[in-house]
Amino acid sequence: MARELQPYEQIERSLIKKYRKQLWNPFIAAVKRYELVKEGDRIAVCISGGKDSMLLAKLMQELHRHSEVPFELSFLVMDPGYAPANRQKILDNAERMHIPIHVFETDIFTVAYETDRNPCYLCARMRRGHLYKQAQALGCNKIALGHHLNDVIETAVMSMFYGAQLQTMPPKLHSRNFPGMELIRPLYCIKEADIIAWARYHGLSFLQCACRLTARSDEPGVSKRQEVKQLIAVLKKETPNIEDNIFSSLHAVCLDTMPGYRARGVDHSFLENYAERERTAEEI
């Protein structure tokens, strides 16, 4: 008689079996397509306590277990000033899912709470810096974050609507302030709806937003990201593959049709090589 699987074993098996098409395959596709993991890497998987980062931790564990490419993992949990109940929820989930986390303390919520600047922007910048610093102290050369496909396409749409530019999150990038460190996003090709389905299947409950700033707000309003998320959901009713279309478009930018673009912080105009195009021009 086969032994009954422990909850963490059921979670692990579902990544390879039940949710292979939705989670494991696009995860592996991103790792390979964007060359996110290389031999000898020491990767700090950054866990916020939400569904995305907890899934990332399990996928990276499975990759480490099955990959022919040797690399090492650490699992970082930064406590920016969580309420005790929220911190305990992270600890309980990590234990249930067999994720050996390393927790370190910061005062980010306190600093962000008292600033006159944009607190969310400041919080994000400070979080990133602390994670890089802690990962580097552990001997890591990369940090892995849990941004998924919907984060990528929503950022692109937000940048057009509210930032007057076209940009998004790249699959990986080098740190400017921490030489030798790199940020990777292994969930880049995974859709949020599939992450939610996986969590519900296992009856998993994760942190949503544990920020004290959100909790203190007297104005319930909708964030710009939520506006874009709702817009895409409405458009998806008429065009079911709209998420895939937006995502694919970010990999197929046709610079020949763009009046301008920015590369390495420098603005360029189509006029720079317009005369040269005349010899090979085609009607667009």
C-alpha atoms as a PDB file:
ATOM      1  CA  MET A   1       0.000   0.000   0.000  1.00  0.00           C
ATOM      2  CA  ALA A   2       1.371   3.396  -1.022  1.00  0.00           C
ATOM      3  CA  ARG A   3       1.924   5.758   1.871  1.00  0.00           C
ATOM      4  CA  GLU A   4      -0.185   8.894   2.163  1.00  0.00           C
ATOM      5  CA  LEU A   5       1.620  11.991   0.955  1.00  0.00           C
ATOM      6  CA  GLN A   6       2.314  14.811   3.387  1.00  0.00           C
ATOM      7  CA  PRO A   7       0.759  18.226   2.532  1.00  0.00           C
ATOM      8  CA  TYR A   8       4.077  19.606   1.261  1.00  0.00           C
ATOM      9  CA  GLU A   9       4.542  16.516  -0.920  1.00  0.00           C
ATOM     10  CA  GLN A  10       1.069  16.984  -2.399  1.00  0.00           C
ATOM     11  CA  ILE A  11       1.933  20.604  -3.148  1.00  0.00           C
ATOM     12  CA  GLU A  12       5.168  19.580  -4.840  1.00  0.00           C
ATOM     13  CA  ARG A  13       3.536  16.809  -6.869  1.00  0.00           C
ATOM     14  CA  SER A  14       0.803  19.133  -8.126  1.00  0.00           C
ATOM     15  CA  LEU A  15       3.435  21.386  -9.713  1.00  0.00           C
ATOM     16  CA  ILE A  16       4.678  18.508 -11.850  1.00  0.00           C
ATOM     17  CA  LYS A  17       1.356  16.722 -12.380  1.00  0.00           C
ATOM     18  CA  LYS A  18      -1.960  18.588 -12.095  1.00  0.00           C
ATOM     19  CA  TYR A  19      -0.558  22.066 -12.815  1.00  0.00           C
ATOM     20  CA  ARG A  20       2.299  21.061 -15.088  1.00  0.00           C
ATOM     21  CA  LYS A  21       0.879  22.899 -18.125  1.00  0.00           C
ATOM     22  CA  GLN A  22      -0.119  26.019 -16.187  1.00  0.00           C
ATOM     23  CA  LEU A  23       2.852  26.372 -13.813  1.00  0.00           C
ATOM     24  CA  TRP A  24       5.808  24.056 -14.337  1.00  0.00           C
ATOM     25  CA  ASN A  25       6.056  24.306 -18.126  1.00  0.00           C
ATOM     26  CA  PRO A  26       5.905  28.130 -18.338  1.00  0.00           C
ATOM     27  CA  PHE A  27       8.316  28.339 -15.390  1.00  0.00           C
ATOM     28  CA  ILE A  28      10.852  26.154 -17.193  1.00  0.00           C
ATOM     29  CA  ALA A  29      10.204  28.066 -20.414  1.00  0.00           C
ATOM     30  CA  ALA A  30      11.135  31.336 -18.714  1.00  0.00           C
ATOM     31  CA  VAL A  31      14.230  29.878 -17.064  1.00  0.00           C
ATOM     32  CA  LYS A  32      15.477  28.611 -20.427  1.00  0.00           C
ATOM     33  CA  ARG A  33      14.301  31.415 -22.726  1.00  0.00           C
ATOM     34  CA  TYR A  34      15.786  34.190 -20.637  1.00  0.00           C
ATOM     35  CA  GLU A  35      18.760  32.190 -19.296  1.00  0.00           C
ATOM     36  CA  LEU A  36      17.840  32.921 -15.685  1.00  0.00           C
ATOM     37  CA  VAL A  37      19.777  30.142 -13.931  1.00  0.00           C
ATOM     38  CA  LYS A  38      23.379  29.250 -14.715  1.00  0.00           C
ATOM     39  CA  GLU A  39      25.888  26.804 -13.333  1.00  0.00           C
ATOM     40  CA  GLY A  40      27.367  27.940 -10.044  1.00  0.00           C
ATOM     41  CA  ASP A  41      24.638  30.473  -9.275  1.00  0.00           C
ATOM     42  CA  ARG A  42      23.702  31.118  -5.658  1.00  0.00           C
ATOM     43  CA  ILE A  43      20.155  32.458  -5.772  1.00  0.00           C
ATOM     44  CA  ALA A  44      18.275  34.157  -2.958  1.00  0.00           C
ATOM     45  CA  VAL A  45      14.553  33.522  -3.419  1.00  0.00           C
ATOM     46  CA  CYS A  46      12.809  36.528  -1.882  1.00  0.00           C
ATOM     47  CA  ILE A  47       9.587  35.664  -0.065  1.00  0.00           C
ATOM     48  CA  SER A  48       7.077  38.349   0.894  1.00  0.00           C
ATOM     49  CA  GLY A  49       4.506  35.873   2.170  1.00  0.00           C
ATOM     50  CA  GLY A  50       2.140  36.294  -0.762  1.00  0.00           C
ATOM     51  CA  LYS A  51       0.983  33.580  -3.161  1.00  0.00           C
ATOM     52  CA  ASP A  52       3.457  34.520  -5.901  1.00  0.00           C
ATOM     53  CA  SER A  53       6.651  34.391  -3.877  1.00  0.00           C
ATOM     54  CA  MET A  54       5.605  31.219  -2.058  1.00  0.00           C
ATOM     55  CA  LEU A  55       4.924  29.488  -5.378  1.00  0.00           C
ATOM     56  CA  LEU A  56       8.265  30.767  -6.653  1.00  0.00           C
ATOM     57  CA  ALA A  57       9.998  29.154  -3.683  1.00  0.00           C
ATOM     58  CA  LYS A  58       8.436  25.759  -4.398  1.00  0.00           C
ATOM     59  CA  LEU A  59       9.200  25.929  -8.126  1.00  0.00           C
ATOM     60  CA  MET A  60      12.808  26.849  -7.424  1.00  0.00           C
ATOM     61  CA  GLN A  61      13.059  23.950  -4.984  1.00  0.00           C
ATOM     62  CA  GLU A  62      11.791  21.577  -7.659  1.00  0.00           C
ATOM     63  CA  LEU A  63      14.191  23.008 -10.221  1.00  0.00           C
ATOM     64  CA  HIS A  64      17.078  22.585  -7.794  1.00  0.00           C
ATOM     65  CA  ARG A  65      16.016  18.981  -7.202  1.00  0.00           C
ATOM     66  CA  HIS A  66      15.692  17.996 -10.859  1.00  0.00           C
ATOM     67  CA  SER A  67      18.013  20.308 -12.811  1.00  0.00           C
ATOM     68  CA  GLU A  68      21.255  19.068 -14.338  1.00  0.00           C
ATOM     69  CA  VAL A  69      22.659  22.564 -13.844  1.00  0.00           C
ATOM     70  CA  PRO A  70      24.212  22.810 -10.361  1.00  0.00           C
ATOM     71  CA  PHE A  71      23.174  25.886  -8.365  1.00  0.00           C
ATOM     72  CA  GLU A  72      22.350  26.769  -4.762  1.00  0.00           C
ATOM     73  CA  LEU A  73      19.341  28.368  -3.096  1.00  0.00           C
ATOM     74  CA  SER A  74      18.599  30.505  -0.051  1.00  0.00           C
ATOM     75  CA  PHE A  75      15.101  31.594   0.951  1.00  0.00           C
ATOM     76  CA  LEU A  76      14.938  35.146   2.299  1.00  0.00           C
ATOM     77  CA  VAL A  77      12.044  36.627   4.238  1.00  0.00           C
ATOM     78  CA  MET A  78      12.377  40.277   5.113  1.00  0.00           C
ATOM     79  CA  ASP A  79      10.216  41.524   7.984  1.00  0.00           C
ATOM     80  CA  PRO A  80       9.678  45.241   7.237  1.00  0.00           C
ATOM     81  CA  GLY A  81       7.603  45.651  10.388  1.00  0.00           C
ATOM     82  CA  TYR A  82       4.779  43.155  10.002  1.00  0.00           C
ATOM     83  CA  ALA A  83       2.107  42.796  12.634  1.00  0.00           C
ATOM     84  CA  PRO A  84       2.815  39.653  14.700  1.00  0.00           C
ATOM     85  CA  ALA A  85      -0.119  37.783  13.124  1.00  0.00           C
ATOM     86  CA  ASN A  86       1.144  38.462   9.605  1.00  0.00           C
ATOM     87  CA  ARG A  87       4.665  37.368  10.445  1.00  0.00           C
ATOM     88  CA  GLN A  88       3.339  34.185  12.024  1.00  0.00           C
ATOM     89  CA  LYS A  89       1.285  33.447   8.899  1.00  0.00           C
ATOM     90  CA  ILE A  90       4.476  33.490   6.828  1.00  0.00           C
ATOM     91  CA  LEU A  91       6.239  31.213   9.304  1.00  0.00           C
ATOM     92  CA  ASP A  92       3.315  28.763   9.368  1.00  0.00           C
ATOM     93  CA  ASN A  93       3.079  28.605   5.563  1.00  0.00           C
ATOM     94  CA  ALA A  94       6.815  28.110   5.202  1.00  0.00           C
ATOM     95  CA  GLU A  95       6.702  25.219   7.669  1.00  0.00           C
ATOM     96  CA  ARG A  96       3.676  23.643   5.975  1.00  0.00           C
ATOM     97  CA  MET A  97       5.328  23.916   2.553  1.00  0.00           C
ATOM     98  CA  HIS A  98       8.783  22.806   3.763  1.00  0.00           C
ATOM     99  CA  ILE A  99      10.563  26.002   2.770  1.00  0.00           C
ATOM    100  CA  PRO A 100      13.652  26.623   4.961  1.00  0.00           C
ATOM    101  CA  ILE A 101      13.410  30.393   5.285  1.00  0.00           C
ATOM    102  CA  HIS A 102      15.928  32.883   6.668  1.00  0.00           C
ATOM    103  CA  VAL A 103      14.138  35.844   8.309  1.00  0.00           C
ATOM    104  CA  PHE A 104      15.771  39.221   8.866  1.00  0.00           C
ATOM    105  CA  GLU A 105      14.428  42.426  10.363  1.00  0.00           C
ATOM    106  CA  THR A 106      14.161  45.972   8.952  1.00  0.00           C
ATOM    107  CA  ASP A 107      12.302  49.156   9.898  1.00  0.00           C
ATOM    108  CA  ILE A 108      11.009  49.908   6.395  1.00  0.00           C
ATOM    109  CA  PHE A 109       7.356  50.355   7.381  1.00  0.00           C
ATOM    110  CA  THR A 110       8.312  52.873  10.061  1.00  0.00           C
ATOM    111  CA  VAL A 111      10.475  54.911   7.677  1.00  0.00           C
ATOM    112  CA  ALA A 112       7.922  54.799   4.847  1.00  0.00           C
ATOM    113  CA  TYR A 113       5.082  55.623   7.245  1.00  0.00           C
ATOM    114  CA  GLU A 114       6.745  58.860   8.324  1.00  0.00           C
ATOM    115  CA  THR A 115       7.874  60.144   4.925  1.00  0.00           C
ATOM    116  CA  ASP A 116       6.286  62.985   2.971  1.00  0.00           C
ATOM    117  CA  ARG A 117       7.364  61.336  -0.277  1.00  0.00           C
ATOM    118  CA  ASN A 118       5.489  58.590  -2.114  1.00  0.00           C
ATOM    119  CA  PRO A 119       5.533  55.874   0.573  1.00  0.00           C
ATOM    120  CA  CYS A 120       4.933  52.957  -1.813  1.00  0.00           C
ATOM    121  CA  TYR A 121       7.834  53.993  -4.058  1.00  0.00           C
ATOM    122  CA  LEU A 122      10.130  54.500  -1.077  1.00  0.00           C
ATOM    123  CA  CYS A 123       9.087  51.175   0.446  1.00  0.00           C
ATOM    124  CA  ALA A 124       9.768  49.299  -2.808  1.00  0.00           C
ATOM    125  CA  ARG A 125      13.196  50.898  -3.230  1.00  0.00           C
ATOM    126  CA  MET A 126      14.181  50.175   0.362  1.00  0.00           C
ATOM    127  CA  ARG A 127      12.961  46.578   0.167  1.00  0.00           C
ATOM    128  CA  ARG A 128      15.028  45.945  -2.944  1.00  0.00           C
ATOM    129  CA  GLY A 129      18.140  47.412  -1.369  1.00  0.00           C
ATOM    130  CA  HIS A 130      17.794  45.374   1.827  1.00  0.00           C
ATOM    131  CA  LEU A 131      17.229  42.176  -0.153  1.00  0.00           C
ATOM    132  CA  TYR A 132      20.291  42.744  -2.313  1.00  0.00           C
ATOM    133  CA  LYS A 133      22.412  43.505   0.729  1.00  0.00           C
ATOM    134  CA  GLN A 134      21.246  40.462   2.686  1.00  0.00           C
ATOM    135  CA  ALA A 135      21.579  38.151  -0.316  1.00  0.00           C
ATOM    136  CA  GLN A 136      25.090  39.401  -0.966  1.00  0.00           C
ATOM    137  CA  ALA A 137      25.994  38.790   2.668  1.00  0.00           C
ATOM    138  CA  LEU A 138      24.876  35.170   2.215  1.00  0.00           C
ATOM    139  CA  GLY A 139      27.178  34.767  -0.773  1.00  0.00           C
ATOM    140  CA  CYS A 140      24.439  34.959  -3.408  1.00  0.00           C
ATOM    141  CA  ASN A 141      24.892  36.513  -6.833  1.00  0.00           C
ATOM    142  CA  LYS A 142      21.190  36.692  -7.732  1.00  0.00           C
ATOM    143  CA  ILE A 143      17.850  37.486  -6.141  1.00  0.00           C
ATOM    144  CA  ALA A 144      14.648  35.942  -7.503  1.00  0.00           C
ATOM    145  CA  LEU A 145      11.357  37.866  -7.283  1.00  0.00           C
ATOM    146  CA  GLY A 146       7.829  36.594  -7.835  1.00  0.00           C
ATOM    147  CA  HIS A 147       6.550  38.907 -10.581  1.00  0.00           C
ATOM    148  CA  HIS A 148       4.314  37.013 -13.014  1.00  0.00           C
ATOM    149  CA  LEU A 149       2.992  37.549 -16.556  1.00  0.00           C
ATOM    150  CA  ASN A 150       0.115  39.760 -15.428  1.00  0.00           C
ATOM    151  CA  ASP A 151       2.502  42.027 -13.524  1.00  0.00           C
ATOM    152  CA  VAL A 152       4.502  42.359 -16.738  1.00  0.00           C
ATOM    153  CA  ILE A 153       1.615  43.256 -19.041  1.00  0.00           C
ATOM    154  CA  GLU A 154      -0.112  45.491 -16.492  1.00  0.00           C
ATOM    155  CA  THR A 155       3.116  47.445 -16.039  1.00  0.00           C
ATOM    156  CA  ALA A 156       3.354  47.929 -19.816  1.00  0.00           C
ATOM    157  CA  VAL A 157      -0.217  49.216 -20.088  1.00  0.00           C
ATOM    158  CA  MET A 158       0.200  51.440 -17.016  1.00  0.00           C
ATOM    159  CA  SER A 159       3.357  52.966 -18.467  1.00  0.00           C
ATOM    160  CA  MET A 160       1.468  53.953 -21.631  1.00  0.00           C
ATOM    161  CA  PHE A 161      -1.683  55.225 -19.947  1.00  0.00           C
ATOM    162  CA  TYR A 162      -0.143  57.043 -16.998  1.00  0.00           C
ATOM    163  CA  GLY A 163       3.586  57.363 -17.713  1.00  0.00           C
ATOM    164  CA  ALA A 164       3.520  58.436 -21.371  1.00  0.00           C
ATOM    165  CA  GLN A 165       6.085  55.801 -22.325  1.00  0.00           C
ATOM    166  CA  LEU A 166       6.250  52.122 -23.231  1.00  0.00           C
ATOM    167  CA  GLN A 167       8.259  50.023 -20.805  1.00  0.00           C
ATOM    168  CA  THR A 168       7.808  47.014 -18.554  1.00  0.00           C
ATOM    169  CA  MET A 169       9.636  44.649 -16.210  1.00  0.00           C
ATOM    170  CA  PRO A 170      12.491  42.777 -17.916  1.00  0.00           C
ATOM    171  CA  PRO A 171      12.982  39.059 -17.112  1.00  0.00           C
ATOM    172  CA  LYS A 172      16.320  39.909 -15.500  1.00  0.00           C
ATOM    173  CA  LEU A 173      18.557  42.902 -14.902  1.00  0.00           C
ATOM    174  CA  HIS A 174      21.867  43.806 -13.346  1.00  0.00           C
ATOM    175  CA  SER A 175      21.860  45.796 -10.110  1.00  0.00           C
ATOM    176  CA  ARG A 176      23.199  49.328 -10.397  1.00  0.00           C
ATOM    177  CA  ASN A 177      24.036  49.709  -6.725  1.00  0.00           C
ATOM    178  CA  PHE A 178      25.257  46.188  -5.944  1.00  0.00           C
ATOM    179  CA  PRO A 179      27.934  45.200  -8.472  1.00  0.00           C
ATOM    180  CA  GLY A 180      27.891  41.536  -9.409  1.00  0.00           C
ATOM    181  CA  MET A 181      24.287  41.102  -8.299  1.00  0.00           C
ATOM    182  CA  GLU A 182      21.443  40.285 -10.667  1.00  0.00           C
ATOM    183  CA  LEU A 183      17.648  40.196 -10.328  1.00  0.00           C
ATOM    184  CA  ILE A 184      15.671  37.417 -12.030  1.00  0.00           C
ATOM    185  CA  ARG A 185      11.930  36.832 -12.474  1.00  0.00           C
ATOM    186  CA  PRO A 186      11.303  33.093 -13.007  1.00  0.00           C
ATOM    187  CA  LEU A 187       7.482  33.443 -12.943  1.00  0.00           C
ATOM    188  CA  TYR A 188       7.659  35.737 -15.974  1.00  0.00           C
ATOM    189  CA  CYS A 189       5.516  33.459 -18.195  1.00  0.00           C
ATOM    190  CA  ILE A 190       3.017  32.301 -15.538  1.00  0.00           C
ATOM    191  CA  LYS A 191      -0.483  33.808 -15.357  1.00  0.00           C
ATOM    192  CA  GLU A 192      -1.856  35.031 -12.053  1.00  0.00           C
ATOM    193  CA  ALA A 193      -5.147  33.146 -12.502  1.00  0.00           C
ATOM    194  CA  ASP A 194      -3.229  29.857 -12.544  1.00  0.00           C
ATOM    195  CA  ILE A 195      -1.386  30.771  -9.345  1.00  0.00           C
ATOM    196  CA  ILE A 196      -4.707  31.520  -7.660  1.00  0.00           C
ATOM    197  CA  ALA A 197      -6.159  28.208  -8.868  1.00  0.00           C
ATOM    198  CA  TRP A 198      -3.163  26.285  -7.496  1.00  0.00           C
ATOM    199  CA  ALA A 199      -3.418  27.998  -4.089  1.00  0.00           C
ATOM    200  CA  ARG A 200      -7.152  27.334  -3.849  1.00  0.00           C
ATOM    201  CA  TYR A 201      -6.720  23.695  -4.834  1.00  0.00           C
ATOM    202  CA  HIS A 202      -4.471  23.158  -1.809  1.00  0.00           C
ATOM    203  CA  GLY A 203      -6.514  25.378   0.516  1.00  0.00           C
ATOM    204  CA  LEU A 204      -3.546  27.714   0.965  1.00  0.00           C
ATOM    205  CA  SER A 205      -4.060  31.189   2.416  1.00  0.00           C
ATOM    206  CA  PHE A 206      -1.310  33.765   1.954  1.00  0.00           C
ATOM    207  CA  LEU A 207      -0.710  37.388   2.880  1.00  0.00           C
ATOM    208  CA  GLN A 208      -2.393  39.941   0.681  1.00  0.00           C
ATOM    209  CA  CYS A 209      -1.074  43.412   1.420  1.00  0.00           C
ATOM    210  CA  ALA A 210       0.260  43.594   4.971  1.00  0.00           C
ATOM    211  CA  CYS A 211       1.321  47.219   4.666  1.00  0.00           C
ATOM    212  CA  ARG A 212       0.388  49.521   7.550  1.00  0.00           C
ATOM    213  CA  LEU A 213       0.037  52.388   5.082  1.00  0.00           C
ATOM    214  CA  THR A 214      -2.723  50.577   3.216  1.00  0.00           C
ATOM    215  CA  ALA A 215      -4.460  49.736   6.465  1.00  0.00           C
ATOM    216  CA  ARG A 216      -4.481  53.357   7.650  1.00  0.00           C
ATOM    217  CA  SER A 217      -5.923  54.790   4.431  1.00  0.00           C
ATOM    218  CA  ASP A 218      -9.304  56.519   4.800  1.00  0.00           C
ATOM    219  CA  GLU A 219      -9.787  56.566   1.016  1.00  0.00           C
ATOM    220  CA  PRO A 220     -10.708  53.165  -0.349  1.00  0.00           C
ATOM    221  CA  GLY A 221     -10.061  54.211  -4.017  1.00  0.00           C
ATOM    222  CA  VAL A 222      -8.762  51.925  -6.731  1.00  0.00           C
ATOM    223  CA  SER A 223      -5.063  51.928  -7.610  1.00  0.00           C
ATOM    224  CA  LYS A 224      -3.878  52.477 -11.166  1.00  0.00           C
ATOM    225  CA  ARG A 225      -2.745  48.863 -11.317  1.00  0.00           C
ATOM    226  CA  GLN A 226      -6.213  47.724 -10.239  1.00  0.00           C
ATOM    227  CA  GLU A 227      -7.763  49.938 -12.905  1.00  0.00           C
ATOM    228  CA  VAL A 228      -5.606  48.308 -15.579  1.00  0.00           C
ATOM    229  CA  LYS A 229      -6.250  44.831 -14.176  1.00  0.00           C
ATOM    230  CA  GLN A 230     -10.010  45.464 -14.373  1.00  0.00           C
ATOM    231  CA  LEU A 231      -9.714  46.882 -17.889  1.00  0.00           C
ATOM    232  CA  ILE A 232      -7.843  43.812 -19.139  1.00  0.00           C
ATOM    233  CA  ALA A 233     -10.454  41.565 -17.484  1.00  0.00           C
ATOM    234  CA  VAL A 234     -13.231  43.384 -19.366  1.00  0.00           C
ATOM    235  CA  LEU A 235     -11.379  43.181 -22.691  1.00  0.00           C
ATOM    236  CA  LYS A 236     -10.671  39.505 -22.080  1.00  0.00           C
ATOM    237  CA  LYS A 237     -14.398  38.743 -22.272  1.00  0.00           C
ATOM    238  CA  GLU A 238     -14.369  39.707 -25.950  1.00  0.00           C
ATOM    239  CA  THR A 239     -10.766  38.685 -26.681  1.00  0.00           C
ATOM    240  CA  PRO A 240      -9.859  35.654 -24.509  1.00  0.00           C
ATOM    241  CA  ASN A 241      -6.198  35.663 -25.571  1.00  0.00           C
ATOM    242  CA  ILE A 242      -5.606  39.357 -24.907  1.00  0.00           C
ATOM    243  CA  GLU A 243      -3.112  38.657 -22.114  1.00  0.00           C
ATOM    244  CA  ASP A 244      -1.032  36.507 -24.449  1.00  0.00           C
ATOM    245  CA  ASN A 245      -1.284  39.153 -27.169  1.00  0.00           C
ATOM    246  CA  ILE A 246       0.011  41.933 -24.922  1.00  0.00           C
ATOM    247  CA  PHE A 247       2.793  39.708 -23.599  1.00  0.00           C
ATOM    248  CA  SER A 248       3.855  38.635 -27.102  1.00  0.00           C
ATOM    249  CA  SER A 249       3.832  42.240 -28.316  1.00  0.00           C
ATOM    250  CA  LEU A 250       6.510  43.081 -25.752  1.00  0.00           C
ATOM    251  CA  HIS A 251       8.771  40.554 -27.484  1.00  0.00           C
ATOM    252  CA  ALA A 252       8.006  41.877 -30.976  1.00  0.00           C
ATOM    253  CA  VAL A 253       8.498  45.648 -30.839  1.00  0.00           C
ATOM    254  CA  CYS A 254       9.044  46.897 -34.401  1.00  0.00           C
ATOM    255  CA  LEU A 255      11.396  49.864 -34.038  1.00  0.00           C
ATOM    256  CA  ASP A 256      11.101  50.636 -37.776  1.00  0.00           C
ATOM    257  CA  THR A 257       7.555  51.871 -37.149  1.00  0.00           C
ATOM    258  CA  MET A 258       8.272  53.830 -33.971  1.00  0.00           C
ATOM    259  CA  PRO A 259       8.720  57.619 -34.134  1.00  0.00           C
ATOM    260  CA  GLY A 260      11.056  57.441 -31.147  1.00  0.00           C
ATOM    261  CA  TYR A 261      12.587  55.152 -28.579  1.00  0.00           C
ATOM    262  CA  ARG A 262      14.951  55.263 -25.630  1.00  0.00           C
ATOM    263  CA  ALA A 263      18.017  53.053 -25.260  1.00  0.00           C
ATOM    264  CA  ARG A 264      20.443  53.171 -22.316  1.00  0.00           C
ATOM    265  CA  GLY A 265      18.888  56.423 -21.146  1.00  0.00           C
ATOM    266  CA  VAL A 266      19.313  58.175 -24.495  1.00  0.00           C
ATOM    267  CA  ASP A 267      16.328  59.322 -26.581  1.00  0.00           C
ATOM    268  CA  HIS A 268      16.414  58.469 -30.291  1.00  0.00           C
ATOM    269  CA  SER A 269      14.261  59.644 -33.210  1.00  0.00           C
ATOM    270  CA  PHE A 270      13.287  57.780 -36.370  1.00  0.00           C
ATOM    271  CA  LEU A 271      14.804  60.759 -38.236  1.00  0.00           C
ATOM    272  CA  GLU A 272      18.304  59.586 -37.290  1.00  0.00           C
ATOM    273  CA  ASN A 273      18.319  56.972 -40.043  1.00  0.00           C
ATOM    274  CA  TYR A 274      15.282  58.001 -42.041  1.00  0.00           C
ATOM    275  CA  ALA A 275      17.288  58.919 -45.155  1.00  0.00           C
ATOM    276  CA  GLU A 276      19.073  55.577 -45.134  1.00  0.00           C
ATOM    277  CA  ARG A 277      15.764  53.732 -45.120  1.00  0.00           C
ATOM    278  CA  GLU A 278      14.704  55.260 -48.445  1.00  0.00           C
ATOM    279  CA  ARG A 279      16.725  52.716 -50.433  1.00  0.00           C
ATOM    280  CA  THR A 280      14.956  49.760 -48.780  1.00  0.00           C
ATOM    281  CA  ALA A 281      11.664  51.409 -47.939  1.00  0.00           C
ATOM    282  CA  GLU A 282       8.433  49.469 -47.925  1.00  0.00           C
ATOM    283  CA  GLU A 283       4.935  50.789 -47.509  1.00  0.00           C
ATOM    284  CA  ILE A 284       3.816  50.433 -43.851  1.00  0.00           C
END
